[in-house]
Amino acid sequence: MSRQYKSLIEARNQWERDIKMYKDFLKGESKTFEGRYGAEEYISMAENRLNDINLKLKEIEKENLHDQIKDEKTSG
């Protein structure tokens, strides 16, 4: 597994934890308008970043699969 792939997995896990934390915050009772708005904005940004990371991970996985198929054809 490449260093870039591992780094993306770690980043994805962190964004997922952050999203959960802010969603839990929004479920609570006491929050200001600014707090709610800030949390909603952060969740939106984090979800977009998470989508970007997932796309990049799929791209890397696809490249790795392509490389494996190519290697099998040349060795077999």
PDB file of N, CA and C in Angstrom:
ATOM      1  N   MET A   1       0.857  -1.177   0.000  1.00  0.00           N
ATOM      2  CA  MET A   1       0.000   0.000   0.000  1.00  0.00           C
ATOM      3  C   MET A   1       0.901   1.237   0.000  1.00  0.00           C
ATOM      4  N   SER A   2       0.628   2.165  -0.875  1.00  0.00           N
ATOM      5  CA  SER A   2       1.472   3.346  -1.002  1.00  0.00           C
ATOM      6  C   SER A   2       1.289   4.305   0.173  1.00  0.00           C
ATOM      7  N   ARG A   3       2.296   5.134   0.354  1.00  0.00           N
ATOM      8  CA  ARG A   3       2.248   6.133   1.419  1.00  0.00           C
ATOM      9  C   ARG A   3       1.091   7.118   1.179  1.00  0.00           C
ATOM     10  N   GLN A   4       0.879   7.487  -0.087  1.00  0.00           N
ATOM     11  CA  GLN A   4      -0.209   8.408  -0.415  1.00  0.00           C
ATOM     12  C   GLN A   4      -1.561   7.792  -0.061  1.00  0.00           C
ATOM     13  N   TYR A   5      -1.732   6.520  -0.370  1.00  0.00           N
ATOM     14  CA  TYR A   5      -2.990   5.830  -0.078  1.00  0.00           C
ATOM     15  C   TYR A   5      -3.240   5.797   1.426  1.00  0.00           C
ATOM     16  N   LYS A   6      -2.206   5.437   2.195  1.00  0.00           N
ATOM     17  CA  LYS A   6      -2.335   5.403   3.651  1.00  0.00           C
ATOM     18  C   LYS A   6      -2.670   6.779   4.205  1.00  0.00           C
ATOM     19  N   SER A   7      -2.022   7.792   3.670  1.00  0.00           N
ATOM     20  CA  SER A   7      -2.271   9.158   4.119  1.00  0.00           C
ATOM     21  C   SER A   7      -3.717   9.573   3.845  1.00  0.00           C
ATOM     22  N   LEU A   8      -4.223   9.201   2.688  1.00  0.00           N
ATOM     23  CA  LEU A   8      -5.610   9.516   2.348  1.00  0.00           C
ATOM     24  C   LEU A   8      -6.589   8.779   3.252  1.00  0.00           C
ATOM     25  N   ILE A   9      -6.286   7.535   3.590  1.00  0.00           N
ATOM     26  CA  ILE A   9      -7.142   6.765   4.504  1.00  0.00           C
ATOM     27  C   ILE A   9      -7.179   7.449   5.870  1.00  0.00           C
ATOM     28  N   GLU A  10      -6.017   7.866   6.357  1.00  0.00           N
ATOM     29  CA  GLU A  10      -5.959   8.551   7.648  1.00  0.00           C
ATOM     30  C   GLU A  10      -6.747   9.856   7.611  1.00  0.00           C
ATOM     31  N   ALA A  11      -6.597  10.610   6.524  1.00  0.00           N
ATOM     32  CA  ALA A  11      -7.328  11.869   6.385  1.00  0.00           C
ATOM     33  C   ALA A  11      -8.830  11.608   6.331  1.00  0.00           C
ATOM     34  N   ARG A  12      -9.225  10.578   5.579  1.00  0.00           N
ATOM     35  CA  ARG A  12     -10.648  10.231   5.488  1.00  0.00           C
ATOM     36  C   ARG A  12     -11.211   9.890   6.861  1.00  0.00           C
ATOM     37  N   ASN A  13     -10.469   9.104   7.630  1.00  0.00           N
ATOM     38  CA  ASN A  13     -10.925   8.737   8.971  1.00  0.00           C
ATOM     39  C   ASN A  13     -11.071   9.964   9.865  1.00  0.00           C
ATOM     40  N   GLN A  14     -10.136  10.904   9.751  1.00  0.00           N
ATOM     41  CA  GLN A  14     -10.209  12.122  10.562  1.00  0.00           C
ATOM     42  C   GLN A  14     -11.424  12.961  10.171  1.00  0.00           C
ATOM     43  N   TRP A  15     -11.660  13.131   8.870  1.00  0.00           N
ATOM     44  CA  TRP A  15     -12.832  13.896   8.432  1.00  0.00           C
ATOM     45  C   TRP A  15     -14.121  13.228   8.907  1.00  0.00           C
ATOM     46  N   GLU A  16     -14.181  11.901   8.852  1.00  0.00           N
ATOM     47  CA  GLU A  16     -15.376  11.191   9.321  1.00  0.00           C
ATOM     48  C   GLU A  16     -15.597  11.420  10.812  1.00  0.00           C
ATOM     49  N   ARG A  17     -14.516  11.400  11.595  1.00  0.00           N
ATOM     50  CA  ARG A  17     -14.644  11.668  13.037  1.00  0.00           C
ATOM     51  C   ARG A  17     -15.113  13.102  13.282  1.00  0.00           C
ATOM     52  N   ASP A  18     -14.553  14.038  12.522  1.00  0.00           N
ATOM     53  CA  ASP A  18     -14.949  15.440  12.674  1.00  0.00           C
ATOM     54  C   ASP A  18     -16.425  15.636  12.345  1.00  0.00           C
ATOM     55  N   ILE A  19     -16.873  15.042  11.260  1.00  0.00           N
ATOM     56  CA  ILE A  19     -18.276  15.165  10.862  1.00  0.00           C
ATOM     57  C   ILE A  19     -19.178  14.625  11.964  1.00  0.00           C
ATOM     58  N   LYS A  20     -18.837  13.466  12.501  1.00  0.00           N
ATOM     59  CA  LYS A  20     -19.634  12.881  13.583  1.00  0.00           C
ATOM     60  C   LYS A  20     -19.658  13.809  14.793  1.00  0.00           C
ATOM     61  N   MET A  21     -18.504  14.371  15.142  1.00  0.00           N
ATOM     62  CA  MET A  21     -18.421  15.255  16.300  1.00  0.00           C
ATOM     63  C   MET A  21     -19.321  16.486  16.113  1.00  0.00           C
ATOM     64  N   TYR A  22     -19.268  17.106  14.935  1.00  0.00           N
ATOM     65  CA  TYR A  22     -20.079  18.297  14.703  1.00  0.00           C
ATOM     66  C   TYR A  22     -21.566  17.965  14.596  1.00  0.00           C
ATOM     67  N   LYS A  23     -21.902  16.817  14.039  1.00  0.00           N
ATOM     68  CA  LYS A  23     -23.311  16.408  13.999  1.00  0.00           C
ATOM     69  C   LYS A  23     -23.830  16.142  15.406  1.00  0.00           C
ATOM     70  N   ASP A  24     -22.996  15.537  16.243  1.00  0.00           N
ATOM     71  CA  ASP A  24     -23.378  15.328  17.645  1.00  0.00           C
ATOM     72  C   ASP A  24     -23.575  16.665  18.348  1.00  0.00           C
ATOM     73  N   PHE A  25     -22.707  17.625  18.055  1.00  0.00           N
ATOM     74  CA  PHE A  25     -22.833  18.964  18.627  1.00  0.00           C
ATOM     75  C   PHE A  25     -24.182  19.579  18.254  1.00  0.00           C
ATOM     76  N   LEU A  26     -24.575  19.417  16.998  1.00  0.00           N
ATOM     77  CA  LEU A  26     -25.836  19.997  16.535  1.00  0.00           C
ATOM     78  C   LEU A  26     -27.053  19.338  17.177  1.00  0.00           C
ATOM     79  N   LYS A  27     -26.904  18.104  17.653  1.00  0.00           N
ATOM     80  CA  LYS A  27     -28.011  17.426  18.326  1.00  0.00           C
ATOM     81  C   LYS A  27     -28.236  17.968  19.730  1.00  0.00           C
ATOM     82  N   GLY A  28     -27.231  18.615  20.296  1.00  0.00           N
ATOM     83  CA  GLY A  28     -27.329  19.142  21.658  1.00  0.00           C
ATOM     84  C   GLY A  28     -28.280  20.323  21.745  1.00  0.00           C
ATOM     85  N   GLU A  29     -28.567  20.731  22.962  1.00  0.00           N
ATOM     86  CA  GLU A  29     -29.557  21.783  23.203  1.00  0.00           C
ATOM     87  C   GLU A  29     -28.987  23.199  23.094  1.00  0.00           C
ATOM     88  N   SER A  30     -27.924  23.471  23.810  1.00  0.00           N
ATOM     89  CA  SER A  30     -27.453  24.854  23.901  1.00  0.00           C
ATOM     90  C   SER A  30     -26.419  25.156  22.831  1.00  0.00           C
ATOM     91  N   LYS A  31     -26.815  26.025  21.917  1.00  0.00           N
ATOM     92  CA  LYS A  31     -25.886  26.487  20.892  1.00  0.00           C
ATOM     93  C   LYS A  31     -26.369  27.829  20.358  1.00  0.00           C
ATOM     94  N   THR A  32     -25.422  28.679  20.032  1.00  0.00           N
ATOM     95  CA  THR A  32     -25.755  29.982  19.470  1.00  0.00           C
ATOM     96  C   THR A  32     -25.998  29.827  17.972  1.00  0.00           C
ATOM     97  N   PHE A  33     -26.547  30.872  17.389  1.00  0.00           N
ATOM     98  CA  PHE A  33     -26.738  30.878  15.940  1.00  0.00           C
ATOM     99  C   PHE A  33     -25.392  30.707  15.243  1.00  0.00           C
ATOM    100  N   GLU A  34     -24.385  31.429  15.743  1.00  0.00           N
ATOM    101  CA  GLU A  34     -23.055  31.357  15.146  1.00  0.00           C
ATOM    102  C   GLU A  34     -22.464  29.953  15.276  1.00  0.00           C
ATOM    103  N   GLY A  35     -22.700  29.330  16.431  1.00  0.00           N
ATOM    104  CA  GLY A  35     -22.199  27.976  16.641  1.00  0.00           C
ATOM    105  C   GLY A  35     -22.853  26.983  15.707  1.00  0.00           C
ATOM    106  N   ARG A  36     -24.167  27.098  15.579  1.00  0.00           N
ATOM    107  CA  ARG A  36     -24.902  26.196  14.680  1.00  0.00           C
ATOM    108  C   ARG A  36     -24.459  26.421  13.232  1.00  0.00           C
ATOM    109  N   TYR A  37     -24.399  27.673  12.823  1.00  0.00           N
ATOM    110  CA  TYR A  37     -24.009  28.000  11.453  1.00  0.00           C
ATOM    111  C   TYR A  37     -22.588  27.515  11.169  1.00  0.00           C
ATOM    112  N   GLY A  38     -21.688  27.755  12.104  1.00  0.00           N
ATOM    113  CA  GLY A  38     -20.302  27.317  11.936  1.00  0.00           C
ATOM    114  C   GLY A  38     -20.197  25.809  11.813  1.00  0.00           C
ATOM    115  N   ALA A  39     -20.949  25.097  12.640  1.00  0.00           N
ATOM    116  CA  ALA A  39     -20.930  23.632  12.595  1.00  0.00           C
ATOM    117  C   ALA A  39     -21.493  23.127  11.267  1.00  0.00           C
ATOM    118  N   GLU A  40     -22.578  23.723  10.813  1.00  0.00           N
ATOM    119  CA  GLU A  40     -23.176  23.305   9.542  1.00  0.00           C
ATOM    120  C   GLU A  40     -22.223  23.563   8.374  1.00  0.00           C
ATOM    121  N   GLU A  41     -21.554  24.717   8.404  1.00  0.00           N
ATOM    122  CA  GLU A  41     -20.589  25.043   7.354  1.00  0.00           C
ATOM    123  C   GLU A  41     -19.414  24.069   7.374  1.00  0.00           C
ATOM    124  N   TYR A  42     -18.946  23.755   8.563  1.00  0.00           N
ATOM    125  CA  TYR A  42     -17.818  22.831   8.690  1.00  0.00           C
ATOM    126  C   TYR A  42     -18.206  21.447   8.179  1.00  0.00           C
ATOM    127  N   ILE A  43     -19.395  20.987   8.538  1.00  0.00           N
ATOM    128  CA  ILE A  43     -19.870  19.677   8.071  1.00  0.00           C
ATOM    129  C   ILE A  43     -19.931  19.653   6.547  1.00  0.00           C
ATOM    130  N   SER A  44     -20.450  20.705   5.960  1.00  0.00           N
ATOM    131  CA  SER A  44     -20.549  20.779   4.505  1.00  0.00           C
ATOM    132  C   SER A  44     -19.164  20.721   3.859  1.00  0.00           C
ATOM    133  N   MET A  45     -18.235  21.500   4.396  1.00  0.00           N
ATOM    134  CA  MET A  45     -16.875  21.510   3.874  1.00  0.00           C
ATOM    135  C   MET A  45     -16.224  20.139   4.053  1.00  0.00           C
ATOM    136  N   ALA A  46     -16.406  19.537   5.215  1.00  0.00           N
ATOM    137  CA  ALA A  46     -15.803  18.237   5.508  1.00  0.00           C
ATOM    138  C   ALA A  46     -16.378  17.149   4.601  1.00  0.00           C
ATOM    139  N   GLU A  47     -17.672  17.194   4.347  1.00  0.00           N
ATOM    140  CA  GLU A  47     -18.285  16.202   3.458  1.00  0.00           C
ATOM    141  C   GLU A  47     -17.750  16.341   2.034  1.00  0.00           C
ATOM    142  N   ASN A  48     -17.553  17.586   1.587  1.00  0.00           N
ATOM    143  CA  ASN A  48     -16.969  17.799   0.260  1.00  0.00           C
ATOM    144  C   ASN A  48     -15.546  17.255   0.201  1.00  0.00           C
ATOM    145  N   ARG A  49     -14.787  17.521   1.240  1.00  0.00           N
ATOM    146  CA  ARG A  49     -13.409  17.026   1.293  1.00  0.00           C
ATOM    147  C   ARG A  49     -13.394  15.495   1.323  1.00  0.00           C
ATOM    148  N   LEU A  50     -14.316  14.919   2.069  1.00  0.00           N
ATOM    149  CA  LEU A  50     -14.432  13.462   2.155  1.00  0.00           C
ATOM    150  C   LEU A  50     -14.747  12.866   0.779  1.00  0.00           C
ATOM    151  N   ASN A  51     -15.638  13.506   0.043  1.00  0.00           N
ATOM    152  CA  ASN A  51     -15.954  13.043  -1.315  1.00  0.00           C
ATOM    153  C   ASN A  51     -14.722  13.097  -2.210  1.00  0.00           C
ATOM    154  N   ASP A  52     -13.946  14.189  -2.102  1.00  0.00           N
ATOM    155  CA  ASP A  52     -12.720  14.313  -2.892  1.00  0.00           C
ATOM    156  C   ASP A  52     -11.731  13.197  -2.558  1.00  0.00           C
ATOM    157  N   ILE A  53     -11.577  12.920  -1.276  1.00  0.00           N
ATOM    158  CA  ILE A  53     -10.656  11.868  -0.841  1.00  0.00           C
ATOM    159  C   ILE A  53     -11.119  10.514  -1.362  1.00  0.00           C
ATOM    160  N   ASN A  54     -12.408  10.235  -1.268  1.00  0.00           N
ATOM    161  CA  ASN A  54     -12.931   8.952  -1.746  1.00  0.00           C
ATOM    162  C   ASN A  54     -12.722   8.785  -3.250  1.00  0.00           C
ATOM    163  N   LEU A  55     -12.876   9.871  -3.997  1.00  0.00           N
ATOM    164  CA  LEU A  55     -12.624   9.804  -5.439  1.00  0.00           C
ATOM    165  C   LEU A  55     -11.158   9.498  -5.720  1.00  0.00           C
ATOM    166  N   LYS A  56     -10.269  10.145  -4.979  1.00  0.00           N
ATOM    167  CA  LYS A  56      -8.840   9.910  -5.165  1.00  0.00           C
ATOM    168  C   LYS A  56      -8.475   8.471  -4.792  1.00  0.00           C
ATOM    169  N   LEU A  57      -9.060   7.963  -3.709  1.00  0.00           N
ATOM    170  CA  LEU A  57      -8.802   6.576  -3.310  1.00  0.00           C
ATOM    171  C   LEU A  57      -9.256   5.601  -4.396  1.00  0.00           C
ATOM    172  N   LYS A  58     -10.428   5.851  -4.975  1.00  0.00           N
ATOM    173  CA  LYS A  58     -10.923   4.983  -6.050  1.00  0.00           C
ATOM    174  C   LYS A  58      -9.998   5.043  -7.262  1.00  0.00           C
ATOM    175  N   GLU A  59      -9.485   6.235  -7.543  1.00  0.00           N
ATOM    176  CA  GLU A  59      -8.558   6.404  -8.659  1.00  0.00           C
ATOM    177  C   GLU A  59      -7.281   5.590  -8.427  1.00  0.00           C
ATOM    178  N   ILE A  60      -6.748   5.655  -7.219  1.00  0.00           N
ATOM    179  CA  ILE A  60      -5.544   4.891  -6.879  1.00  0.00           C
ATOM    180  C   ILE A  60      -5.824   3.395  -6.966  1.00  0.00           C
ATOM    181  N   GLU A  61      -6.971   2.960  -6.438  1.00  0.00           N
ATOM    182  CA  GLU A  61      -7.333   1.541  -6.492  1.00  0.00           C
ATOM    183  C   GLU A  61      -7.466   1.065  -7.936  1.00  0.00           C
ATOM    184  N   LYS A  62      -8.053   1.898  -8.772  1.00  0.00           N
ATOM    185  CA  LYS A  62      -8.217   1.550 -10.184  1.00  0.00           C
ATOM    186  C   LYS A  62      -6.852   1.433 -10.866  1.00  0.00           C
ATOM    187  N   GLU A  63      -5.942   2.377 -10.556  1.00  0.00           N
ATOM    188  CA  GLU A  63      -4.593   2.315 -11.123  1.00  0.00           C
ATOM    189  C   GLU A  63      -3.872   1.046 -10.677  1.00  0.00           C
ATOM    190  N   ASN A  64      -4.014   0.709  -9.406  1.00  0.00           N
ATOM    191  CA  ASN A  64      -3.364  -0.496  -8.885  1.00  0.00           C
ATOM    192  C   ASN A  64      -3.911  -1.752  -9.551  1.00  0.00           C
ATOM    193  N   LEU A  65      -5.222  -1.803  -9.754  1.00  0.00           N
ATOM    194  CA  LEU A  65      -5.836  -2.946 -10.427  1.00  0.00           C
ATOM    195  C   LEU A  65      -5.331  -3.047 -11.862  1.00  0.00           C
ATOM    196  N   HIS A  66      -5.261  -1.907 -12.528  1.00  0.00           N
ATOM    197  CA  HIS A  66      -4.758  -1.872 -13.903  1.00  0.00           C
ATOM    198  C   HIS A  66      -3.316  -2.375 -13.951  1.00  0.00           C
ATOM    199  N   ASP A  67      -2.494  -1.939 -12.993  1.00  0.00           N
ATOM    200  CA  ASP A  67      -1.098  -2.386 -12.935  1.00  0.00           C
ATOM    201  C   ASP A  67      -1.006  -3.888 -12.682  1.00  0.00           C
ATOM    202  N   GLN A  68      -1.880  -4.417 -11.821  1.00  0.00           N
ATOM    203  CA  GLN A  68      -1.874  -5.855 -11.537  1.00  0.00           C
ATOM    204  C   GLN A  68      -2.228  -6.661 -12.781  1.00  0.00           C
ATOM    205  N   ILE A  69      -3.236  -6.203 -13.500  1.00  0.00           N
ATOM    206  CA  ILE A  69      -3.655  -6.893 -14.727  1.00  0.00           C
ATOM    207  C   ILE A  69      -2.525  -6.845 -15.755  1.00  0.00           C
ATOM    208  N   LYS A  70      -1.902  -5.690 -15.868  1.00  0.00           N
ATOM    209  CA  LYS A  70      -0.790  -5.522 -16.801  1.00  0.00           C
ATOM    210  C   LYS A  70       0.360  -6.460 -16.439  1.00  0.00           C
ATOM    211  N   ASP A  71       0.676  -6.549 -15.142  1.00  0.00           N
ATOM    212  CA  ASP A  71       1.749  -7.435 -14.678  1.00  0.00           C
ATOM    213  C   ASP A  71       1.420  -8.898 -14.953  1.00  0.00           C
ATOM    214  N   GLU A  72       0.160  -9.282 -14.760  1.00  0.00           N
ATOM    215  CA  GLU A  72      -0.253 -10.666 -15.009  1.00  0.00           C
ATOM    216  C   GLU A  72      -0.114 -11.025 -16.488  1.00  0.00           C
ATOM    217  N   LYS A  73      -0.436 -10.072 -17.350  1.00  0.00           N
ATOM    218  CA  LYS A  73      -0.342 -10.329 -18.787  1.00  0.00           C
ATOM    219  C   LYS A  73       1.107 -10.474 -19.228  1.00  0.00           C
ATOM    220  N   THR A  74       1.998  -9.684 -18.645  1.00  0.00           N
ATOM    221  CA  THR A  74       3.401  -9.742 -19.055  1.00  0.00           C
ATOM    222  C   THR A  74       4.143 -10.919 -18.441  1.00  0.00           C
ATOM    223  N   SER A  75       3.681 -11.394 -17.284  1.00  0.00           N
ATOM    224  CA  SER A  75       4.377 -12.514 -16.634  1.00  0.00           C
ATOM    225  C   SER A  75       3.788 -13.869 -17.022  1.00  0.00           C
ATOM    226  N   GLY A  76       2.599 -13.859 -17.565  1.00  0.00           N
ATOM    227  CA  GLY A  76       1.940 -15.131 -17.835  1.00  0.00           C
ATOM    228  C   GLY A  76       1.942 -15.478 -19.234  1.00  0.00           C
TER     229      GLY A  76
END
